[in-house]
């Protein structure tokens, strides 16, 4: 993996090129429809830019909001997603319990998020208490919350219609046993991520006719063991077009491609942690809603 410093340099250069190039420059035909997927992960309650150290001046929700606003003003359809671990990491969480994070994400008009292990840090009751402040759904498909306070407060999947483009989103959470105290997740049941991914991806792609299927994952990008990860999930499933990941704080300058069970390409994207970056992936569809072109990059967030 590249050093953090080299990554930041590359990401900044890549972002500059992406930002100044008009959206129409990517398209070879007026018939193509553009969908821009923006994504974050592992924000860990970082409201403000870092105030010291090697990341001084980097990140911050106000800066991210400006970038999102500018991208929306390009006039294309935008889907804004998060891959979990919104909570824990600064005193804002200790004091407000996640209220501020959810309110700010709502102001930025996030479309959806999945649930990370640190989102259980105030227990299920602490998470449920803050949900009224989130004007977006939490999607997780392999946690069974039926015997908990979360029942009725989350979705297994959701279909978004963005200018006629149907995007199906489902979520996959990490195994909680051994990672989160039992008293924090209570009677939450963890279910096989491969089985659930194949079920919901098939439902979204083939039964609900989605043009794009996205998995919001908090499994982690990859491990040196057989532990379930985004790379393993991609290779053992089908019908998923994009996995937006979290948990391992992996800085990817652009999506990584993995072949699935049917030898089709799956993109995996993740943008580090603490709001240092926001991911951008542009999809271009023809009239038959087939993907004709994809461009992905990571946008470095720096105080101006």
C-alpha atoms as a PDB file:
ATOM      1  CA  UNK A   1       0.000   0.000   0.000  1.00  0.00           C
ATOM      2  CA  UNK A   2       1.216   3.476  -0.819  1.00  0.00           C
ATOM      3  CA  UNK A   3       2.281   5.741   2.001  1.00  0.00           C
ATOM      4  CA  UNK A   4      -0.343   8.138   3.343  1.00  0.00           C
ATOM      5  CA  UNK A   5       1.649  11.128   2.080  1.00  0.00           C
ATOM      6  CA  UNK A   6       1.956   9.729  -1.452  1.00  0.00           C
ATOM      7  CA  UNK A   7      -1.715   8.796  -1.451  1.00  0.00           C
ATOM      8  CA  UNK A   8      -2.785  12.311  -0.471  1.00  0.00           C
ATOM      9  CA  UNK A   9      -0.597  13.800  -3.192  1.00  0.00           C
ATOM     10  CA  UNK A  10      -2.039  11.482  -5.842  1.00  0.00           C
ATOM     11  CA  UNK A  11      -5.605  11.954  -4.640  1.00  0.00           C
ATOM     12  CA  UNK A  12      -5.283  15.736  -4.732  1.00  0.00           C
ATOM     13  CA  UNK A  13      -3.944  15.702  -8.288  1.00  0.00           C
ATOM     14  CA  UNK A  14      -6.640  13.276  -9.407  1.00  0.00           C
ATOM     15  CA  UNK A  15      -9.345  15.417  -7.839  1.00  0.00           C
ATOM     16  CA  UNK A  16      -8.171  18.558  -9.571  1.00  0.00           C
ATOM     17  CA  UNK A  17      -8.449  16.899 -12.962  1.00  0.00           C
ATOM     18  CA  UNK A  18     -11.893  15.515 -12.145  1.00  0.00           C
ATOM     19  CA  UNK A  19     -13.211  18.794 -10.760  1.00  0.00           C
ATOM     20  CA  UNK A  20     -12.287  21.006 -13.698  1.00  0.00           C
ATOM     21  CA  UNK A  21     -13.460  18.593 -16.398  1.00  0.00           C
ATOM     22  CA  UNK A  22     -17.121  19.246 -17.308  1.00  0.00           C
ATOM     23  CA  UNK A  23     -19.481  16.307 -16.942  1.00  0.00           C
ATOM     24  CA  UNK A  24     -20.284  16.271 -20.668  1.00  0.00           C
ATOM     25  CA  UNK A  25     -16.616  15.658 -21.453  1.00  0.00           C
ATOM     26  CA  UNK A  26     -17.007  12.108 -20.145  1.00  0.00           C
ATOM     27  CA  UNK A  27     -19.905  11.356 -22.457  1.00  0.00           C
ATOM     28  CA  UNK A  28     -19.585  10.402 -26.099  1.00  0.00           C
ATOM     29  CA  UNK A  29     -23.316  10.630 -26.720  1.00  0.00           C
ATOM     30  CA  UNK A  30     -26.160  12.883 -25.647  1.00  0.00           C
ATOM     31  CA  UNK A  31     -28.169   9.745 -25.029  1.00  0.00           C
ATOM     32  CA  UNK A  32     -26.062   8.812 -22.008  1.00  0.00           C
ATOM     33  CA  UNK A  33     -27.455   9.486 -18.546  1.00  0.00           C
ATOM     34  CA  UNK A  34     -24.988  10.265 -15.778  1.00  0.00           C
ATOM     35  CA  UNK A  35     -25.273   9.120 -12.169  1.00  0.00           C
ATOM     36  CA  UNK A  36     -22.734  10.350  -9.642  1.00  0.00           C
ATOM     37  CA  UNK A  37     -22.285   8.164  -6.554  1.00  0.00           C
ATOM     38  CA  UNK A  38     -20.613   9.966  -3.641  1.00  0.00           C
ATOM     39  CA  UNK A  39     -19.521   7.934  -0.638  1.00  0.00           C
ATOM     40  CA  UNK A  40     -17.908   8.163   2.796  1.00  0.00           C
ATOM     41  CA  UNK A  41     -17.008   5.713   5.533  1.00  0.00           C
ATOM     42  CA  UNK A  42     -15.657   5.645   9.100  1.00  0.00           C
ATOM     43  CA  UNK A  43     -16.266   9.319   9.803  1.00  0.00           C
ATOM     44  CA  UNK A  44     -15.852   8.669  13.537  1.00  0.00           C
ATOM     45  CA  UNK A  45     -17.463  11.906  14.707  1.00  0.00           C
ATOM     46  CA  UNK A  46     -14.889  14.146  13.017  1.00  0.00           C
ATOM     47  CA  UNK A  47     -16.922  17.325  12.694  1.00  0.00           C
ATOM     48  CA  UNK A  48     -14.012  19.700  12.198  1.00  0.00           C
ATOM     49  CA  UNK A  49     -10.746  19.404  10.241  1.00  0.00           C
ATOM     50  CA  UNK A  50      -7.773  17.940  12.113  1.00  0.00           C
ATOM     51  CA  UNK A  51      -6.108  20.617  14.228  1.00  0.00           C
ATOM     52  CA  UNK A  52      -2.642  19.067  14.504  1.00  0.00           C
ATOM     53  CA  UNK A  53      -0.345  16.339  13.212  1.00  0.00           C
ATOM     54  CA  UNK A  54       0.200  15.200   9.634  1.00  0.00           C
ATOM     55  CA  UNK A  55      -3.504  15.674   8.816  1.00  0.00           C
ATOM     56  CA  UNK A  56      -3.728  19.243  10.134  1.00  0.00           C
ATOM     57  CA  UNK A  57      -6.345  21.215   8.209  1.00  0.00           C
ATOM     58  CA  UNK A  58      -7.713  18.105   6.507  1.00  0.00           C
ATOM     59  CA  UNK A  59     -11.318  16.918   6.573  1.00  0.00           C
ATOM     60  CA  UNK A  60     -14.285  18.613   8.200  1.00  0.00           C
ATOM     61  CA  UNK A  61     -18.004  18.349   7.554  1.00  0.00           C
ATOM     62  CA  UNK A  62     -18.382  21.953   6.373  1.00  0.00           C
ATOM     63  CA  UNK A  63     -15.701  21.378   3.745  1.00  0.00           C
ATOM     64  CA  UNK A  64     -17.343  18.118   2.679  1.00  0.00           C
ATOM     65  CA  UNK A  65     -20.734  19.841   2.433  1.00  0.00           C
ATOM     66  CA  UNK A  66     -19.249  22.438   0.075  1.00  0.00           C
ATOM     67  CA  UNK A  67     -17.804  19.747  -2.193  1.00  0.00           C
ATOM     68  CA  UNK A  68     -21.125  17.884  -2.253  1.00  0.00           C
ATOM     69  CA  UNK A  69     -23.008  21.106  -3.033  1.00  0.00           C
ATOM     70  CA  UNK A  70     -20.643  21.920  -5.907  1.00  0.00           C
ATOM     71  CA  UNK A  71     -21.021  18.436  -7.381  1.00  0.00           C
ATOM     72  CA  UNK A  72     -24.804  18.608  -7.169  1.00  0.00           C
ATOM     73  CA  UNK A  73     -24.696  21.937  -8.983  1.00  0.00           C
ATOM     74  CA  UNK A  74     -23.153  20.149 -11.986  1.00  0.00           C
ATOM     75  CA  UNK A  75     -26.739  19.117 -12.680  1.00  0.00           C
ATOM     76  CA  UNK A  76     -26.383  15.319 -12.705  1.00  0.00           C
ATOM     77  CA  UNK A  77     -28.204  12.781 -10.574  1.00  0.00           C
ATOM     78  CA  UNK A  78     -26.366  12.267  -7.246  1.00  0.00           C
ATOM     79  CA  UNK A  79     -26.571   9.413  -4.735  1.00  0.00           C
ATOM     80  CA  UNK A  80     -24.804  10.079  -1.406  1.00  0.00           C
ATOM     81  CA  UNK A  81     -24.024   7.027   0.757  1.00  0.00           C
ATOM     82  CA  UNK A  82     -22.070   6.091   3.887  1.00  0.00           C
ATOM     83  CA  UNK A  83     -20.600   2.726   4.916  1.00  0.00           C
ATOM     84  CA  UNK A  84     -20.864   3.044   8.697  1.00  0.00           C
ATOM     85  CA  UNK A  85     -18.886   3.929  11.829  1.00  0.00           C
ATOM     86  CA  UNK A  86     -20.382   7.381  11.984  1.00  0.00           C
ATOM     87  CA  UNK A  87     -19.964   7.359  15.783  1.00  0.00           C
ATOM     88  CA  UNK A  88     -16.962   7.467  18.133  1.00  0.00           C
ATOM     89  CA  UNK A  89     -13.670   9.303  17.805  1.00  0.00           C
ATOM     90  CA  UNK A  90     -14.054  12.863  19.124  1.00  0.00           C
ATOM     91  CA  UNK A  91     -15.608  14.524  22.197  1.00  0.00           C
ATOM     92  CA  UNK A  92     -18.644  15.468  20.097  1.00  0.00           C
ATOM     93  CA  UNK A  93     -19.808  11.866  20.318  1.00  0.00           C
ATOM     94  CA  UNK A  94     -19.076  11.667  24.041  1.00  0.00           C
ATOM     95  CA  UNK A  95     -21.185  14.772  24.687  1.00  0.00           C
ATOM     96  CA  UNK A  96     -24.001  14.517  22.141  1.00  0.00           C
ATOM     97  CA  UNK A  97     -24.154  10.770  21.481  1.00  0.00           C
ATOM     98  CA  UNK A  98     -24.352  11.046  17.700  1.00  0.00           C
ATOM     99  CA  UNK A  99     -27.044  13.723  17.431  1.00  0.00           C
ATOM    100  CA  UNK A 100     -24.743  16.233  15.760  1.00  0.00           C
ATOM    101  CA  UNK A 101     -23.372  13.731  13.254  1.00  0.00           C
ATOM    102  CA  UNK A 102     -26.855  12.697  12.126  1.00  0.00           C
ATOM    103  CA  UNK A 103     -28.101  16.275  11.900  1.00  0.00           C
ATOM    104  CA  UNK A 104     -25.160  17.351   9.757  1.00  0.00           C
ATOM    105  CA  UNK A 105     -25.454  14.321   7.482  1.00  0.00           C
ATOM    106  CA  UNK A 106     -29.150  15.133   7.093  1.00  0.00           C
ATOM    107  CA  UNK A 107     -28.252  18.703   6.138  1.00  0.00           C
ATOM    108  CA  UNK A 108     -25.944  17.266   3.457  1.00  0.00           C
ATOM    109  CA  UNK A 109     -28.874  15.128   2.254  1.00  0.00           C
ATOM    110  CA  UNK A 110     -27.327  11.694   2.609  1.00  0.00           C
ATOM    111  CA  UNK A 111     -29.491   9.111   0.871  1.00  0.00           C
ATOM    112  CA  UNK A 112     -28.583   6.174   3.123  1.00  0.00           C
ATOM    113  CA  UNK A 113     -26.016   4.602   5.440  1.00  0.00           C
ATOM    114  CA  UNK A 114     -25.259   1.172   6.790  1.00  0.00           C
ATOM    115  CA  UNK A 115     -24.341   0.411  10.409  1.00  0.00           C
ATOM    116  CA  UNK A 116     -20.748  -0.046  11.580  1.00  0.00           C
ATOM    117  CA  UNK A 117     -19.530  -1.722  14.750  1.00  0.00           C
ATOM    118  CA  UNK A 118     -18.807   1.613  16.469  1.00  0.00           C
ATOM    119  CA  UNK A 119     -22.368   2.726  15.863  1.00  0.00           C
ATOM    120  CA  UNK A 120     -23.230   0.329  18.715  1.00  0.00           C
ATOM    121  CA  UNK A 121     -20.898   2.119  21.160  1.00  0.00           C
ATOM    122  CA  UNK A 122     -23.788   3.622  23.142  1.00  0.00           C
ATOM    123  CA  UNK A 123     -25.758   0.414  22.840  1.00  0.00           C
ATOM    124  CA  UNK A 124     -28.823  -0.258  20.748  1.00  0.00           C
ATOM    125  CA  UNK A 125     -30.876   2.128  22.855  1.00  0.00           C
ATOM    126  CA  UNK A 126     -28.296   4.873  22.270  1.00  0.00           C
ATOM    127  CA  UNK A 127     -28.445   4.311  18.514  1.00  0.00           C
ATOM    128  CA  UNK A 128     -32.244   4.241  18.424  1.00  0.00           C
ATOM    129  CA  UNK A 129     -32.394   7.419  20.516  1.00  0.00           C
ATOM    130  CA  UNK A 130     -30.491   9.320  17.817  1.00  0.00           C
ATOM    131  CA  UNK A 131     -32.363   7.960  14.782  1.00  0.00           C
ATOM    132  CA  UNK A 132     -34.991  10.761  14.770  1.00  0.00           C
ATOM    133  CA  UNK A 133     -32.146  13.154  13.923  1.00  0.00           C
ATOM    134  CA  UNK A 134     -31.316  11.200  10.736  1.00  0.00           C
ATOM    135  CA  UNK A 135     -33.412  12.098   7.696  1.00  0.00           C
ATOM    136  CA  UNK A 136     -32.055   9.092   5.823  1.00  0.00           C
ATOM    137  CA  UNK A 137     -32.496   5.332   6.274  1.00  0.00           C
ATOM    138  CA  UNK A 138     -30.061   2.827   7.739  1.00  0.00           C
ATOM    139  CA  UNK A 139     -29.776  -0.227   5.530  1.00  0.00           C
ATOM    140  CA  UNK A 140     -28.379  -3.536   6.783  1.00  0.00           C
ATOM    141  CA  UNK A 141     -29.379  -6.897   5.336  1.00  0.00           C
ATOM    142  CA  UNK A 142     -27.515  -9.469   7.441  1.00  0.00           C
ATOM    143  CA  UNK A 143     -28.434  -8.280  10.936  1.00  0.00           C
ATOM    144  CA  UNK A 144     -31.684  -9.600  12.361  1.00  0.00           C
ATOM    145  CA  UNK A 145     -32.949  -6.920  14.741  1.00  0.00           C
ATOM    146  CA  UNK A 146     -36.391  -8.477  15.217  1.00  0.00           C
ATOM    147  CA  UNK A 147     -35.886  -9.008  18.963  1.00  0.00           C
ATOM    148  CA  UNK A 148     -34.309  -5.608  19.646  1.00  0.00           C
ATOM    149  CA  UNK A 149     -35.139  -1.904  19.859  1.00  0.00           C
ATOM    150  CA  UNK A 150     -34.001  -1.525  16.236  1.00  0.00           C
ATOM    151  CA  UNK A 151     -36.946  -3.512  14.900  1.00  0.00           C
ATOM    152  CA  UNK A 152     -38.877  -1.234  12.553  1.00  0.00           C
ATOM    153  CA  UNK A 153     -36.057   1.335  12.519  1.00  0.00           C
ATOM    154  CA  UNK A 154     -33.971   0.045   9.606  1.00  0.00           C
ATOM    155  CA  UNK A 155     -34.307  -1.318   6.089  1.00  0.00           C
ATOM    156  CA  UNK A 156     -33.057  -4.524   4.495  1.00  0.00           C
ATOM    157  CA  UNK A 157     -32.747  -2.768   1.118  1.00  0.00           C
ATOM    158  CA  UNK A 158     -33.967   0.282  -0.738  1.00  0.00           C
ATOM    159  CA  UNK A 159     -34.484   1.188  -4.402  1.00  0.00           C
ATOM    160  CA  UNK A 160     -33.647   4.770  -5.393  1.00  0.00           C
ATOM    161  CA  UNK A 161     -34.961   6.283  -8.622  1.00  0.00           C
ATOM    162  CA  UNK A 162     -32.480   8.869  -9.834  1.00  0.00           C
ATOM    163  CA  UNK A 163     -33.769  10.455 -13.017  1.00  0.00           C
ATOM    164  CA  UNK A 164     -35.084   7.145 -14.310  1.00  0.00           C
ATOM    165  CA  UNK A 165     -32.023   5.182 -13.205  1.00  0.00           C
ATOM    166  CA  UNK A 166     -33.014   2.533 -10.658  1.00  0.00           C
ATOM    167  CA  UNK A 167     -30.356   1.935  -8.024  1.00  0.00           C
ATOM    168  CA  UNK A 168     -30.771  -0.881  -5.527  1.00  0.00           C
ATOM    169  CA  UNK A 169     -28.876  -0.612  -2.243  1.00  0.00           C
ATOM    170  CA  UNK A 170     -28.458  -3.230   0.463  1.00  0.00           C
ATOM    171  CA  UNK A 171     -26.124  -3.356   3.467  1.00  0.00           C
ATOM    172  CA  UNK A 172     -23.769  -5.884   5.027  1.00  0.00           C
ATOM    173  CA  UNK A 173     -22.487  -5.551   8.593  1.00  0.00           C
ATOM    174  CA  UNK A 174     -19.447  -7.106  10.229  1.00  0.00           C
ATOM    175  CA  UNK A 175     -19.706  -9.961  12.740  1.00  0.00           C
ATOM    176  CA  UNK A 176     -20.243  -8.334  16.134  1.00  0.00           C
ATOM    177  CA  UNK A 177     -19.262 -11.206  18.437  1.00  0.00           C
ATOM    178  CA  UNK A 178     -15.759 -10.625  19.757  1.00  0.00           C
ATOM    179  CA  UNK A 179     -15.712  -7.095  18.338  1.00  0.00           C
ATOM    180  CA  UNK A 180     -18.550  -5.407  20.231  1.00  0.00           C
ATOM    181  CA  UNK A 181     -19.617  -6.089  23.812  1.00  0.00           C
ATOM    182  CA  UNK A 182     -22.689  -8.319  23.915  1.00  0.00           C
ATOM    183  CA  UNK A 183     -24.556  -5.846  26.100  1.00  0.00           C
ATOM    184  CA  UNK A 184     -24.168  -3.231  23.336  1.00  0.00           C
ATOM    185  CA  UNK A 185     -25.797  -5.240  20.539  1.00  0.00           C
ATOM    186  CA  UNK A 186     -28.129  -7.362  22.665  1.00  0.00           C
ATOM    187  CA  UNK A 187     -30.180  -9.879  20.709  1.00  0.00           C
ATOM    188  CA  UNK A 188     -28.944  -8.750  17.296  1.00  0.00           C
ATOM    189  CA  UNK A 189     -28.346 -11.827  15.137  1.00  0.00           C
ATOM    190  CA  UNK A 190     -25.523 -11.860  12.586  1.00  0.00           C
ATOM    191  CA  UNK A 191     -26.391 -13.693   9.364  1.00  0.00           C
ATOM    192  CA  UNK A 192     -24.161 -15.084   6.627  1.00  0.00           C
ATOM    193  CA  UNK A 193     -23.023 -12.138   4.471  1.00  0.00           C
ATOM    194  CA  UNK A 194     -22.564 -14.185   1.286  1.00  0.00           C
ATOM    195  CA  UNK A 195     -26.018 -15.757   1.483  1.00  0.00           C
ATOM    196  CA  UNK A 196     -27.712 -12.455   2.257  1.00  0.00           C
ATOM    197  CA  UNK A 197     -25.740 -10.589  -0.411  1.00  0.00           C
ATOM    198  CA  UNK A 198     -26.670 -13.094  -3.094  1.00  0.00           C
ATOM    199  CA  UNK A 199     -30.308 -13.021  -2.016  1.00  0.00           C
ATOM    200  CA  UNK A 200     -30.706  -9.249  -1.985  1.00  0.00           C
ATOM    201  CA  UNK A 201     -28.527  -8.602  -5.031  1.00  0.00           C
ATOM    202  CA  UNK A 202     -30.636 -11.070  -7.021  1.00  0.00           C
ATOM    203  CA  UNK A 203     -33.836  -9.504  -5.719  1.00  0.00           C
ATOM    204  CA  UNK A 204     -32.702  -6.003  -6.669  1.00  0.00           C
ATOM    205  CA  UNK A 205     -31.180  -6.847 -10.044  1.00  0.00           C
ATOM    206  CA  UNK A 206     -33.537  -9.485 -11.375  1.00  0.00           C
ATOM    207  CA  UNK A 207     -36.856  -9.095  -9.553  1.00  0.00           C
ATOM    208  CA  UNK A 208     -36.908  -5.321  -9.077  1.00  0.00           C
ATOM    209  CA  UNK A 209     -35.044  -4.551 -12.330  1.00  0.00           C
ATOM    210  CA  UNK A 210     -32.426  -2.238 -10.840  1.00  0.00           C
ATOM    211  CA  UNK A 211     -29.919  -0.797 -13.290  1.00  0.00           C
ATOM    212  CA  UNK A 212     -27.208  -0.677 -10.619  1.00  0.00           C
ATOM    213  CA  UNK A 213     -26.811  -2.705  -7.412  1.00  0.00           C
ATOM    214  CA  UNK A 214     -24.717  -1.290  -4.574  1.00  0.00           C
ATOM    215  CA  UNK A 215     -23.664  -3.058  -1.391  1.00  0.00           C
ATOM    216  CA  UNK A 216     -22.883  -0.817   1.580  1.00  0.00           C
ATOM    217  CA  UNK A 217     -20.404  -2.936   3.517  1.00  0.00           C
ATOM    218  CA  UNK A 218     -18.685  -2.635   6.865  1.00  0.00           C
ATOM    219  CA  UNK A 219     -16.749  -5.893   6.526  1.00  0.00           C
ATOM    220  CA  UNK A 220     -13.343  -4.380   5.744  1.00  0.00           C
ATOM    221  CA  UNK A 221     -11.429  -4.300   2.453  1.00  0.00           C
ATOM    222  CA  UNK A 222      -9.179  -7.371   2.902  1.00  0.00           C
ATOM    223  CA  UNK A 223      -7.330  -9.384   5.551  1.00  0.00           C
ATOM    224  CA  UNK A 224      -4.363 -11.738   5.686  1.00  0.00           C
ATOM    225  CA  UNK A 225      -6.704 -14.412   7.041  1.00  0.00           C
ATOM    226  CA  UNK A 226      -9.899 -16.047   5.780  1.00  0.00           C
ATOM    227  CA  UNK A 227     -11.987 -13.436   7.606  1.00  0.00           C
ATOM    228  CA  UNK A 228     -14.860 -12.207   5.473  1.00  0.00           C
ATOM    229  CA  UNK A 229     -13.941  -9.038   3.596  1.00  0.00           C
ATOM    230  CA  UNK A 230     -15.152  -6.964   0.662  1.00  0.00           C
ATOM    231  CA  UNK A 231     -12.736  -8.712  -1.701  1.00  0.00           C
ATOM    232  CA  UNK A 232     -13.954 -12.144  -0.620  1.00  0.00           C
ATOM    233  CA  UNK A 233     -17.586 -11.036  -0.768  1.00  0.00           C
ATOM    234  CA  UNK A 234     -17.150  -9.709  -4.304  1.00  0.00           C
ATOM    235  CA  UNK A 235     -15.558 -12.956  -5.508  1.00  0.00           C
ATOM    236  CA  UNK A 236     -18.225 -15.205  -3.959  1.00  0.00           C
ATOM    237  CA  UNK A 237     -21.352 -13.377  -5.055  1.00  0.00           C
ATOM    238  CA  UNK A 238     -23.069 -12.152  -8.233  1.00  0.00           C
ATOM    239  CA  UNK A 239     -25.315  -9.272  -9.349  1.00  0.00           C
ATOM    240  CA  UNK A 240     -23.388  -6.679  -7.298  1.00  0.00           C
ATOM    241  CA  UNK A 241     -21.954  -3.792  -9.308  1.00  0.00           C
ATOM    242  CA  UNK A 242     -20.323  -1.774  -6.538  1.00  0.00           C
ATOM    243  CA  UNK A 243     -19.259  -2.428  -2.948  1.00  0.00           C
ATOM    244  CA  UNK A 244     -18.778   0.716  -0.875  1.00  0.00           C
ATOM    245  CA  UNK A 245     -16.717  -0.436   2.080  1.00  0.00           C
ATOM    246  CA  UNK A 246     -15.529   0.615   5.495  1.00  0.00           C
ATOM    247  CA  UNK A 247     -14.009  -0.634   8.758  1.00  0.00           C
ATOM    248  CA  UNK A 248     -10.374  -1.123   7.687  1.00  0.00           C
ATOM    249  CA  UNK A 249      -9.809   2.607   6.997  1.00  0.00           C
ATOM    250  CA  UNK A 250      -8.352   1.713   3.601  1.00  0.00           C
ATOM    251  CA  UNK A 251      -7.375   4.636   1.370  1.00  0.00           C
ATOM    252  CA  UNK A 252      -8.203   3.732  -2.229  1.00  0.00           C
ATOM    253  CA  UNK A 253      -7.475   6.414  -4.800  1.00  0.00           C
ATOM    254  CA  UNK A 254      -9.911   4.714  -7.169  1.00  0.00           C
ATOM    255  CA  UNK A 255     -12.120   1.613  -7.008  1.00  0.00           C
ATOM    256  CA  UNK A 256     -10.473  -1.821  -7.098  1.00  0.00           C
ATOM    257  CA  UNK A 257     -11.875  -4.376  -9.524  1.00  0.00           C
ATOM    258  CA  UNK A 258     -12.606  -7.974  -8.456  1.00  0.00           C
ATOM    259  CA  UNK A 259     -14.248 -10.664 -10.597  1.00  0.00           C
ATOM    260  CA  UNK A 260     -17.413 -12.210  -9.199  1.00  0.00           C
ATOM    261  CA  UNK A 261     -18.749 -15.775  -9.513  1.00  0.00           C
ATOM    262  CA  UNK A 262     -19.750 -15.104 -13.105  1.00  0.00           C
ATOM    263  CA  UNK A 263     -16.404 -13.477 -14.037  1.00  0.00           C
ATOM    264  CA  UNK A 264     -18.033 -10.047 -14.130  1.00  0.00           C
ATOM    265  CA  UNK A 265     -16.329  -7.001 -12.657  1.00  0.00           C
ATOM    266  CA  UNK A 266     -17.266  -5.710  -9.213  1.00  0.00           C
ATOM    267  CA  UNK A 267     -15.931  -2.367  -8.055  1.00  0.00           C
ATOM    268  CA  UNK A 268     -14.803  -1.976  -4.449  1.00  0.00           C
ATOM    269  CA  UNK A 269     -14.383   1.544  -3.062  1.00  0.00           C
ATOM    270  CA  UNK A 270     -13.275   2.887   0.315  1.00  0.00           C
ATOM    271  CA  UNK A 271     -11.921   6.308   1.310  1.00  0.00           C
ATOM    272  CA  UNK A 272      -9.950   5.942   4.535  1.00  0.00           C
ATOM    273  CA  UNK A 273     -11.454   7.460   7.652  1.00  0.00           C
ATOM    274  CA  UNK A 274     -12.365  10.665   9.543  1.00  0.00           C
ATOM    275  CA  UNK A 275     -13.735  12.478   6.507  1.00  0.00           C
ATOM    276  CA  UNK A 276     -10.300  12.999   4.972  1.00  0.00           C
ATOM    277  CA  UNK A 277     -11.697  12.005   1.580  1.00  0.00           C
ATOM    278  CA  UNK A 278     -14.999  11.578  -0.176  1.00  0.00           C
ATOM    279  CA  UNK A 279     -15.346   9.077  -2.994  1.00  0.00           C
ATOM    280  CA  UNK A 280     -16.851   9.911  -6.370  1.00  0.00           C
ATOM    281  CA  UNK A 281     -17.878   7.374  -9.013  1.00  0.00           C
ATOM    282  CA  UNK A 282     -19.585   8.505 -12.213  1.00  0.00           C
ATOM    283  CA  UNK A 283     -21.720   5.999 -14.122  1.00  0.00           C
ATOM    284  CA  UNK A 284     -22.965   6.636 -17.650  1.00  0.00           C
ATOM    285  CA  UNK A 285     -25.980   4.689 -18.920  1.00  0.00           C
ATOM    286  CA  UNK A 286     -27.384   4.352 -22.419  1.00  0.00           C
ATOM    287  CA  UNK A 287     -31.090   4.282 -23.288  1.00  0.00           C
ATOM    288  CA  UNK A 288     -31.260   0.590 -22.401  1.00  0.00           C
ATOM    289  CA  UNK A 289     -29.846   1.482 -18.982  1.00  0.00           C
ATOM    290  CA  UNK A 290     -26.683  -0.486 -19.625  1.00  0.00           C
ATOM    291  CA  UNK A 291     -23.524   0.956 -18.099  1.00  0.00           C
ATOM    292  CA  UNK A 292     -21.350   2.295 -20.899  1.00  0.00           C
ATOM    293  CA  UNK A 293     -18.616   4.027 -18.934  1.00  0.00           C
ATOM    294  CA  UNK A 294     -17.434   4.377 -15.321  1.00  0.00           C
ATOM    295  CA  UNK A 295     -15.016   6.891 -13.801  1.00  0.00           C
ATOM    296  CA  UNK A 296     -13.958   6.763 -10.145  1.00  0.00           C
ATOM    297  CA  UNK A 297     -11.759   8.919  -7.952  1.00  0.00           C
ATOM    298  CA  UNK A 298     -11.178   9.951  -4.351  1.00  0.00           C
ATOM    299  CA  UNK A 299     -11.595  13.627  -3.467  1.00  0.00           C
ATOM    300  CA  UNK A 300      -9.189  15.016  -0.875  1.00  0.00           C
ATOM    301  CA  UNK A 301     -10.910  17.372   1.596  1.00  0.00           C
ATOM    302  CA  UNK A 302      -8.682  20.244   2.691  1.00  0.00           C
ATOM    303  CA  UNK A 303      -9.527  23.488   4.438  1.00  0.00           C
ATOM    304  CA  UNK A 304      -9.356  26.441   2.077  1.00  0.00           C
END
